[in-house]
Protein backbone atom coordinates (compact mmCIF):
# COMPACT_ATOMS: atom_id res chain seq x y z
CA MET A 1 0.07 -0.17 0.14
CA ASP A 2 1.14 3.33 -0.90
CA LYS A 3 2.04 6.00 1.96
CA PHE A 4 -0.20 8.74 2.41
CA ASN A 5 0.38 11.61 0.07
CA PHE A 6 -1.32 14.99 0.77
CA ALA A 7 -1.15 16.17 -2.93
CA LYS A 8 -2.77 13.06 -4.36
CA ARG A 9 -5.93 13.12 -1.90
CA ILE A 10 -5.88 17.45 -3.02
CA LYS A 11 -5.75 15.98 -6.62
CA SER A 12 -8.65 13.15 -6.30
CA PHE A 13 -10.55 16.01 -4.77
CA VAL A 14 -10.33 17.92 -7.72
CA TYR A 15 -11.20 14.72 -9.84
CA ALA A 16 -14.47 14.35 -7.81
CA TRP A 17 -15.35 18.01 -8.15
CA ARG A 18 -14.97 17.70 -11.95
CA GLY A 19 -17.24 14.85 -11.89
CA ILE A 20 -19.82 17.01 -9.74
CA VAL A 21 -19.69 19.47 -12.56
CA VAL A 22 -19.82 17.12 -15.67
CA LEU A 23 -22.72 15.64 -14.20
CA ILE A 24 -24.59 19.00 -13.21
CA SER A 25 -23.96 20.49 -16.29
CA HIS A 26 -24.38 17.62 -18.90
CA GLU A 27 -27.09 15.60 -17.43
CA HIS A 28 -30.86 16.48 -17.94
CA ASN A 29 -32.13 14.79 -15.07
CA ALA A 30 -29.18 16.25 -12.98
CA TRP A 31 -30.75 19.69 -13.68
CA ILE A 32 -34.36 18.33 -12.89
CA HIS A 33 -32.80 17.31 -9.51
CA SER A 34 -31.22 20.79 -9.08
CA PHE A 35 -34.76 22.20 -9.50
CA ALA A 36 -36.54 20.06 -7.10
CA ALA A 37 -33.63 20.34 -4.47
CA ILE A 38 -33.40 24.50 -4.70
CA VAL A 39 -37.34 24.49 -4.49
CA VAL A 40 -37.16 22.34 -1.52
CA VAL A 41 -34.23 24.44 0.11
CA ILE A 42 -36.31 27.45 -0.34
CA ALA A 43 -39.43 25.77 1.01
CA GLY A 44 -37.43 24.56 4.00
CA LEU A 45 -36.22 28.17 4.89
CA LEU A 46 -39.73 29.72 4.28
CA LEU A 47 -41.62 26.98 6.43
CA GLU A 48 -38.58 27.15 9.19
CA LEU A 49 -37.59 23.33 9.07
CA ASN A 50 -36.16 22.30 12.74
CA ARG A 51 -32.72 20.56 12.67
CA MET A 52 -33.80 17.32 12.25
CA GLU A 53 -35.93 17.79 9.20
CA TRP A 54 -33.01 19.72 7.63
CA VAL A 55 -30.77 16.81 8.14
CA ALA A 56 -33.29 14.35 6.47
CA VAL A 57 -33.82 16.80 3.42
CA THR A 58 -30.12 17.16 3.15
CA GLY A 59 -29.61 13.50 3.28
CA CYS A 60 -32.28 12.90 0.79
CA ILE A 61 -30.98 15.61 -1.64
CA ALA A 62 -27.50 13.99 -1.34
CA ALA A 63 -28.98 10.48 -1.90
CA VAL A 64 -30.70 11.28 -5.04
CA PHE A 65 -27.72 13.14 -6.57
CA ALA A 66 -25.51 10.38 -5.66
CA ALA A 67 -27.85 8.04 -7.31
CA GLU A 68 -28.19 9.86 -10.21
CA ALA A 69 -24.20 9.94 -10.37
CA PHE A 70 -23.77 6.03 -10.12
CA ASN A 71 -26.53 6.00 -12.99
CA THR A 72 -24.55 8.06 -15.23
CA ALA A 73 -21.37 6.42 -14.34
CA ILE A 74 -22.87 3.18 -15.08
CA GLU A 75 -24.60 4.24 -18.54
CA LYS A 76 -21.17 5.72 -19.43
CA LEU A 77 -19.17 2.50 -18.76
CA VAL A 78 -22.03 0.25 -20.76
CA ASP A 79 -21.59 2.79 -23.67
CA ILE A 80 -17.85 2.07 -23.58
CA VAL A 81 -18.01 -1.56 -22.81
CA SER A 82 -21.18 -2.60 -25.26
CA PRO A 83 -21.47 0.28 -27.86
CA GLN A 84 -23.70 -1.84 -29.99
CA HIS A 85 -27.19 -2.46 -29.11
CA ASN A 86 -27.02 -5.37 -26.45
CA PRO A 87 -30.49 -6.37 -24.31
CA LYS A 88 -28.25 -7.14 -21.37
CA ALA A 89 -26.52 -4.07 -21.22
CA GLY A 90 -30.09 -2.23 -21.45
CA MET A 91 -31.19 -4.07 -18.51
CA VAL A 92 -28.01 -2.79 -16.64
CA LYS A 93 -28.87 0.83 -17.68
CA ASP A 94 -32.49 0.24 -16.90
CA ILE A 95 -31.72 -1.15 -13.55
CA ALA A 96 -29.52 1.96 -12.43
CA ALA A 97 -32.12 4.05 -13.71
CA GLY A 98 -34.46 2.28 -11.15
CA ALA A 99 -32.19 2.68 -8.76
CA VAL A 100 -32.59 6.20 -9.15
CA LEU A 101 -36.35 6.37 -9.23
CA ILE A 102 -36.19 4.45 -5.97
CA THR A 103 -34.07 6.78 -4.11
CA ALA A 104 -36.37 9.92 -5.62
CA ILE A 105 -39.40 8.21 -4.70
CA GLY A 106 -38.19 7.74 -0.92
CA ALA A 107 -36.95 11.08 -0.89
CA ALA A 108 -39.94 12.29 -2.02
CA THR A 109 -42.15 10.73 0.71
CA ILE A 110 -39.69 12.03 3.45
CA GLY A 111 -40.52 15.44 1.68
CA PHE A 112 -44.08 14.72 2.11
CA ILE A 113 -43.70 13.69 5.79
CA ILE A 114 -41.74 16.36 6.46
CA PHE A 115 -43.46 19.44 4.74
CA VAL A 116 -47.42 18.28 4.60
CA PRO A 117 -47.81 19.36 8.50
CA HIS A 118 -45.94 22.45 7.71
CA ILE A 119 -47.98 23.75 4.97
CA ILE A 120 -51.21 22.78 6.72
CA SER A 121 -49.70 24.55 9.89
CA ALA A 122 -48.88 27.52 7.36
CA ILE A 123 -52.37 27.61 5.70
CA ARG A 124 -54.29 27.34 9.27
């Protein structure tokens, strides 16, 4: 195992940040997730979420973006490994996309649990 190298660790963060920028700037679904995250954060500020609610909301936002990043990476890798149409490659892509959908549904469910009582309270 290599010795710890601070410069290499910094470089790995640069590469990771570049990956985030590529995801946000090139993937349409990441644009949708970004828009949803901005709306949720604004709503959370307006409805004055408490600390634990912010923990849950932040975790959901991070989970959905991470799922989208994994999905995008898998899709790009499958495109390299199997450039021609291949039913199994398509199945791999569908499963990865399904993981994003599962994560988004879970995040939306948590969002409803957190936001609906605040919205009802604000209406009254």
